[in-house]
Protein backbone atom coordinates (compact mmCIF):
# COMPACT_ATOMS: atom_id res chain seq x y z
CA UNK A 1 -173.77 106.01 76.47
CA UNK A 2 -174.83 108.53 73.78
CA UNK A 3 -177.07 107.89 70.90
CA UNK A 4 -174.15 107.97 68.36
CA UNK A 5 -172.53 105.48 70.33
CA UNK A 6 -175.62 102.82 69.62
CA UNK A 7 -175.52 103.90 65.99
CA UNK A 8 -171.60 102.68 65.95
CA UNK A 9 -172.72 99.59 67.92
CA UNK A 10 -175.63 98.61 65.41
CA UNK A 11 -173.47 99.35 62.39
CA UNK A 12 -170.83 97.20 63.30
CA UNK A 13 -173.04 94.02 64.38
CA UNK A 14 -175.18 94.52 61.19
CA UNK A 15 -171.98 94.67 59.03
CA UNK A 16 -170.48 91.49 60.86
CA UNK A 17 -173.78 89.47 60.45
CA UNK A 18 -174.31 90.48 56.61
CA UNK A 19 -170.50 89.07 56.35
CA UNK A 20 -171.08 85.79 58.10
CA UNK A 21 -174.54 85.71 55.90
CA UNK A 22 -172.48 85.72 52.86
CA UNK A 23 -169.99 83.74 53.69
CA UNK A 24 -172.73 81.01 54.54
CA UNK A 25 -174.48 81.63 51.28
CA UNK A 26 -171.23 81.19 49.24
CA UNK A 27 -169.99 77.98 51.02
CA UNK A 28 -173.39 76.16 50.75
CA UNK A 29 -173.93 77.34 47.13
CA UNK A 30 -174.65 74.68 44.63
CA UNK A 31 -171.58 73.31 42.53
CA UNK A 32 -170.02 75.85 40.18
CA UNK A 33 -169.50 75.42 36.40
CA UNK A 34 -165.79 74.72 36.66
CA UNK A 35 -163.46 77.15 34.51
CA UNK A 36 -160.42 74.74 34.27
CA UNK A 37 -158.24 77.73 32.98
CA UNK A 38 -154.74 76.77 33.11
CA UNK A 39 -152.17 77.48 34.84
CA UNK A 40 -153.65 76.37 38.02
CA UNK A 41 -151.11 77.72 40.79
CA UNK A 42 -151.56 74.94 42.95
CA UNK A 43 -150.29 72.41 40.27
CA UNK A 44 -147.20 71.47 41.91
CA UNK A 45 -144.43 71.73 39.52
CA UNK A 46 -146.83 72.29 36.23
CA UNK A 47 -148.17 75.63 37.15
CA UNK A 48 -145.31 77.32 35.68
CA UNK A 49 -145.80 76.23 32.09
CA UNK A 50 -149.60 75.83 32.36
CA UNK A 51 -149.36 71.94 32.80
CA UNK A 52 -151.91 69.94 34.61
CA UNK A 53 -152.73 66.42 36.26
CA UNK A 54 -154.25 65.71 32.93
CA UNK A 55 -151.09 65.05 31.64
CA UNK A 56 -150.72 61.87 33.24
CA UNK A 57 -151.66 58.64 32.09
CA UNK A 58 -154.61 57.39 34.12
CA UNK A 59 -154.67 60.62 35.89
CA UNK A 60 -157.98 59.56 38.08
CA UNK A 61 -155.94 56.94 39.89
CA UNK A 62 -153.02 58.79 41.00
CA UNK A 63 -152.39 61.03 43.86
CA UNK A 64 -152.10 65.00 43.40
CA UNK A 65 -149.59 67.08 44.84
CA UNK A 66 -150.92 70.58 45.66
CA UNK A 67 -148.55 73.70 46.33
CA UNK A 68 -150.55 75.90 48.65
CA UNK A 69 -147.78 78.33 49.13
CA UNK A 70 -147.86 79.27 45.52
CA UNK A 71 -151.56 79.32 45.27
CA UNK A 72 -151.77 81.81 48.14
CA UNK A 73 -148.73 83.81 46.73
CA UNK A 74 -150.72 84.11 43.56
CA UNK A 75 -153.88 85.07 45.66
CA UNK A 76 -152.20 87.89 47.17
CA UNK A 77 -150.81 89.36 44.08
CA UNK A 78 -154.35 89.59 42.85
CA UNK A 79 -155.92 90.98 45.93
CA UNK A 80 -153.37 92.98 47.13
CA UNK A 81 -151.96 94.41 43.81
CA UNK A 82 -155.01 93.62 41.57
CA UNK A 83 -152.64 91.91 39.21
CA UNK A 84 -155.59 90.89 36.86
CA UNK A 85 -156.66 94.48 36.43
CA UNK A 86 -152.87 95.76 35.83
CA UNK A 87 -152.71 93.25 32.90
CA UNK A 88 -155.95 93.87 31.11
CA UNK A 89 -156.91 97.46 32.10
CA UNK A 90 -153.91 99.64 33.06
CA UNK A 91 -156.22 102.94 32.98
CA UNK A 92 -158.57 101.36 35.48
CA UNK A 93 -155.94 100.21 37.65
CA UNK A 94 -154.16 103.64 38.14
CA UNK A 95 -157.31 104.31 40.24
CA UNK A 96 -158.31 100.83 41.27
CA UNK A 97 -155.10 99.93 43.03
CA UNK A 98 -154.85 103.06 45.27
CA UNK A 99 -158.57 102.69 46.08
CA UNK A 100 -158.42 99.10 47.10
CA UNK A 101 -155.04 99.44 48.99
CA UNK A 102 -156.17 102.56 50.73
CA UNK A 103 -159.21 100.21 51.85
CA UNK A 104 -156.88 97.86 53.32
CA UNK A 105 -155.01 100.57 55.36
CA UNK A 106 -158.36 101.83 56.33
CA UNK A 107 -159.24 98.43 57.74
CA UNK A 108 -156.01 98.27 59.53
CA UNK A 109 -156.64 101.61 60.76
CA UNK A 110 -159.76 100.73 62.50
CA UNK A 111 -157.90 97.45 63.89
CA UNK A 112 -155.65 99.70 65.26
CA UNK A 113 -158.01 102.19 66.80
CA UNK A 114 -159.75 99.31 68.45
CA UNK A 115 -156.56 98.13 69.81
CA UNK A 116 -155.84 101.57 70.88
CA UNK A 117 -159.46 101.78 72.31
CA UNK A 118 -158.83 98.56 74.71
CA UNK A 119 -155.50 99.90 75.53
CA UNK A 120 -157.17 102.99 76.62
CA UNK A 121 -159.67 101.30 78.65
CA UNK A 122 -157.60 99.48 80.57
CA UNK A 123 -155.52 102.16 81.22
CA UNK A 124 -152.43 101.65 78.89
CA UNK A 125 -151.47 104.93 77.36
CA UNK A 126 -151.22 105.11 73.69
CA UNK A 127 -149.32 108.53 72.50
CA UNK A 128 -146.27 109.69 71.31
CA UNK A 129 -144.99 110.15 74.89
CA UNK A 130 -146.09 106.39 76.03
CA UNK A 131 -144.11 103.47 76.35
CA UNK A 132 -142.78 101.56 73.53
CA UNK A 133 -145.87 99.61 72.74
CA UNK A 134 -148.00 102.67 73.04
CA UNK A 135 -145.93 104.72 70.88
CA UNK A 136 -145.67 102.20 67.82
CA UNK A 137 -149.71 101.88 68.08
CA UNK A 138 -149.90 105.53 68.07
CA UNK A 139 -147.79 105.80 64.97
CA UNK A 140 -148.93 102.92 63.09
CA UNK A 141 -152.70 104.50 63.70
CA UNK A 142 -151.47 107.81 62.35
CA UNK A 143 -149.80 106.63 59.15
CA UNK A 144 -152.19 103.91 58.35
CA UNK A 145 -155.02 106.23 58.84
CA UNK A 146 -153.79 109.21 56.67
CA UNK A 147 -152.19 107.04 54.15
CA UNK A 148 -155.49 104.83 53.80
CA UNK A 149 -157.91 107.90 53.80
CA UNK A 150 -155.66 109.73 51.10
CA UNK A 151 -155.31 106.57 48.88
CA UNK A 152 -159.03 105.79 49.20
CA UNK A 153 -160.25 109.22 48.68
CA UNK A 154 -157.83 109.52 45.30
CA UNK A 155 -158.96 106.27 43.98
CA UNK A 156 -162.56 106.73 44.52
CA UNK A 157 -162.54 110.16 42.59
CA UNK A 158 -160.63 108.63 39.91
CA UNK A 159 -162.85 105.71 39.43
CA UNK A 160 -165.90 108.06 39.60
CA UNK A 161 -164.22 110.14 36.71
CA UNK A 162 -163.46 107.40 34.82
CA UNK A 163 -167.10 105.83 34.94
CA UNK A 164 -168.48 109.26 34.08
CA UNK A 165 -166.18 109.86 31.22
CA UNK A 166 -165.39 106.40 29.74
CA UNK A 167 -168.20 105.87 26.77
CA UNK A 168 -167.49 101.89 26.59
CA UNK A 169 -167.94 101.81 30.50
CA UNK A 170 -170.97 104.22 30.81
CA UNK A 171 -173.68 101.95 29.61
CA UNK A 172 -173.01 99.40 32.62
CA UNK A 173 -173.00 101.94 35.29
CA UNK A 174 -175.86 102.05 37.47
CA UNK A 175 -176.74 104.64 40.15
CA UNK A 176 -175.35 102.47 42.91
CA UNK A 177 -171.74 102.60 41.29
CA UNK A 178 -171.74 106.32 41.43
CA UNK A 179 -173.36 106.68 44.77
CA UNK A 180 -170.93 104.27 46.36
CA UNK A 181 -167.84 105.93 45.04
CA UNK A 182 -169.26 109.56 46.21
CA UNK A 183 -170.31 108.15 49.39
CA UNK A 184 -166.99 107.16 50.23
CA UNK A 185 -165.35 110.07 48.86
CA UNK A 186 -167.51 112.26 51.35
CA UNK A 187 -166.50 110.39 54.33
CA UNK A 188 -162.92 110.39 53.46
CA UNK A 189 -163.19 114.12 52.87
CA UNK A 190 -164.92 114.86 56.08
CA UNK A 191 -162.60 112.58 58.04
CA UNK A 192 -159.40 114.38 56.66
CA UNK A 193 -160.85 117.74 57.48
CA UNK A 194 -161.81 116.79 60.97
CA UNK A 195 -158.88 115.23 61.93
CA UNK A 196 -156.39 117.38 60.57
CA UNK A 197 -158.25 120.27 62.17
CA UNK A 198 -158.83 118.84 65.57
CA UNK A 199 -157.53 115.58 66.16
CA UNK A 200 -154.67 114.90 64.11
CA UNK A 201 -153.45 112.11 66.22
CA UNK A 202 -156.97 110.40 66.26
CA UNK A 203 -156.85 110.72 70.01
CA UNK A 204 -160.61 111.63 70.43
CA UNK A 205 -161.37 108.82 67.75
CA UNK A 206 -159.51 106.37 70.10
CA UNK A 207 -161.18 107.57 73.13
CA UNK A 208 -164.69 107.27 71.25
CA UNK A 209 -163.58 103.57 70.68
CA UNK A 210 -162.54 103.02 74.39
CA UNK A 211 -165.97 104.43 75.48
CA UNK A 212 -167.99 102.08 73.55
CA UNK A 213 -165.87 99.27 75.00
CA UNK A 214 -166.53 100.19 78.48
CA UNK A 215 -170.03 101.21 78.10
CA UNK A 216 -169.47 105.02 79.16
CA UNK A 217 -170.51 108.12 77.44
CA UNK A 218 -168.17 109.48 74.62
CA UNK A 219 -166.55 112.74 74.45
CA UNK A 220 -167.78 114.71 71.03
CA UNK A 221 -165.37 117.38 70.45
CA UNK A 222 -167.55 118.93 68.14
CA UNK A 223 -170.27 118.41 65.33
CA UNK A 224 -168.13 117.63 62.38
CA UNK A 225 -166.78 114.86 64.75
CA UNK A 226 -170.15 113.44 65.31
CA UNK A 227 -171.06 113.68 61.83
CA UNK A 228 -168.01 111.88 60.75
CA UNK A 229 -168.48 109.02 63.13
CA UNK A 230 -172.14 108.31 61.90
CA UNK A 231 -171.30 108.47 58.42
CA UNK A 232 -168.42 106.18 58.79
CA UNK A 233 -170.33 103.85 61.11
CA UNK A 234 -172.89 103.89 58.35
CA UNK A 235 -170.33 103.25 55.51
CA UNK A 236 -168.79 100.16 57.47
CA UNK A 237 -172.60 98.84 57.65
CA UNK A 238 -173.31 99.36 54.16
CA UNK A 239 -170.23 98.10 52.42
CA UNK A 240 -171.25 94.45 53.43
CA UNK A 241 -174.84 95.07 52.32
CA UNK A 242 -173.91 96.07 49.14
CA UNK A 243 -172.20 94.86 45.85
CA UNK A 244 -168.92 96.18 47.41
CA UNK A 245 -168.54 93.26 49.42
CA UNK A 246 -167.41 91.20 46.56
CA UNK A 247 -164.23 91.24 48.87
CA UNK A 248 -166.34 88.15 50.78
CA UNK A 249 -166.45 86.13 47.55
CA UNK A 250 -162.72 86.36 46.48
CA UNK A 251 -161.94 82.85 48.33
CA UNK A 252 -164.88 80.92 46.78
CA UNK A 253 -164.11 82.48 43.28
CA UNK A 254 -160.67 81.01 43.38
CA UNK A 255 -161.29 77.98 45.28
CA UNK A 256 -164.64 77.08 44.25
CA UNK A 257 -164.68 78.39 40.71
CA UNK A 258 -161.59 79.29 39.06
CA UNK A 259 -158.73 76.95 40.32
CA UNK A 260 -161.16 73.92 41.33
CA UNK A 261 -159.93 71.15 39.69
CA UNK A 262 -160.53 68.15 41.90
CA UNK A 263 -161.58 65.17 39.73
CA UNK A 264 -165.09 63.92 39.76
CA UNK A 265 -164.74 60.34 40.44
CA UNK A 266 -167.22 57.72 40.99
CA UNK A 267 -168.57 57.83 44.51
CA UNK A 268 -166.99 61.19 45.26
CA UNK A 269 -168.58 64.13 47.10
CA UNK A 270 -168.67 66.00 43.80
CA UNK A 271 -170.63 63.29 42.21
CA UNK A 272 -173.09 63.40 44.70
CA UNK A 273 -173.79 67.15 44.75
CA UNK A 274 -173.95 67.05 40.74
CA UNK A 275 -176.33 63.87 40.84
CA UNK A 276 -178.44 66.05 43.31
CA UNK A 277 -178.21 68.93 41.11
CA UNK A 278 -179.35 66.89 38.39
CA UNK A 279 -182.62 66.09 40.20
CA UNK A 280 -183.77 69.53 40.57
CA UNK A 281 -186.60 70.87 38.38
CA UNK A 282 -185.85 73.44 35.33
CA UNK A 283 -187.68 76.89 36.49
CA UNK A 284 -187.23 78.67 33.14
CA UNK A 285 -188.02 78.23 29.49
CA UNK A 286 -186.11 78.44 26.16
CA UNK A 287 -186.04 76.82 22.74
CA UNK A 288 -183.57 74.36 23.88
CA UNK A 289 -185.01 73.80 27.40
CA UNK A 290 -188.63 73.32 28.78
CA UNK A 291 -189.69 73.82 32.26
CA UNK A 292 -191.04 71.13 34.60
CA UNK A 293 -188.58 68.31 33.55
CA UNK A 294 -185.07 67.57 35.95
CA UNK A 295 -182.18 68.81 34.50
CA UNK A 296 -181.03 65.01 34.42
CA UNK A 297 -184.10 64.21 32.11
CA UNK A 298 -182.99 67.50 29.98
CA UNK A 299 -179.66 66.15 29.67
CA UNK A 300 -180.84 62.99 28.52
CA UNK A 301 -183.35 64.20 26.38
CA UNK A 302 -180.25 65.90 24.44
CA UNK A 303 -178.10 63.10 24.29
CA UNK A 304 -180.74 61.05 22.49
CA UNK A 305 -181.45 63.84 19.89
CA UNK A 306 -177.51 63.41 19.18
């Protein structure tokens, strides 16, 4: 195989491992401070008006009924359509939505390229002249590829301009925010120039994936194609290693923090985890907090003062 193919393989493996590490990190994190902001979508029959199981007399003794479908629907509206951004900052949503939706399409495009590469590797054609399945994969790849790249590019450029021009936002920006958006735009523009010029149906790119899967040297049709593949591989690796990997935290943000309303009753797992946390030493100091003591001792001290 060519050196460029090893770059792609290494980038994908590093990205995959980085995502796994972050998932484990979030899943094993200490108990979060619960927001208990209502309505909680999984409150069956109560989320519509912002109610909760606390309305019930002796609520801790009664079974709770969850509506997981409603919760998943609410998560989908936030993850896909950025409902919270739309309601709180429409100016940002105009660019944040196409940026994120474009990235979703690009992820689908990459999976379709992988599927097409597997089909090519086993001898199943993928083109406008192939059988029904190959034809469908071909057109889905083309549509998702160009739509994803264009939307991502427009969104990234708009967010970059917003960060540069908004005086309220500018103090919170760091070099990483500017670099991330410009890096993504550079890859998008290069990919569009490369494929519109010499590979409009992504046949070479699909062949590149097939070559990796079959451990054979890939056909690199030109310098631009080679640069695009390298930059795209590095971007795939970079995203999980950067703050752009907040997508990994979405599930945990909703289920372990925002909507986590499981009651802390005697003998529960929550009580056990909180008890363990109360036994940890305080490692920082302030007027109201002194290092060296455990959190349990600090809490008891404050209760005694009252």
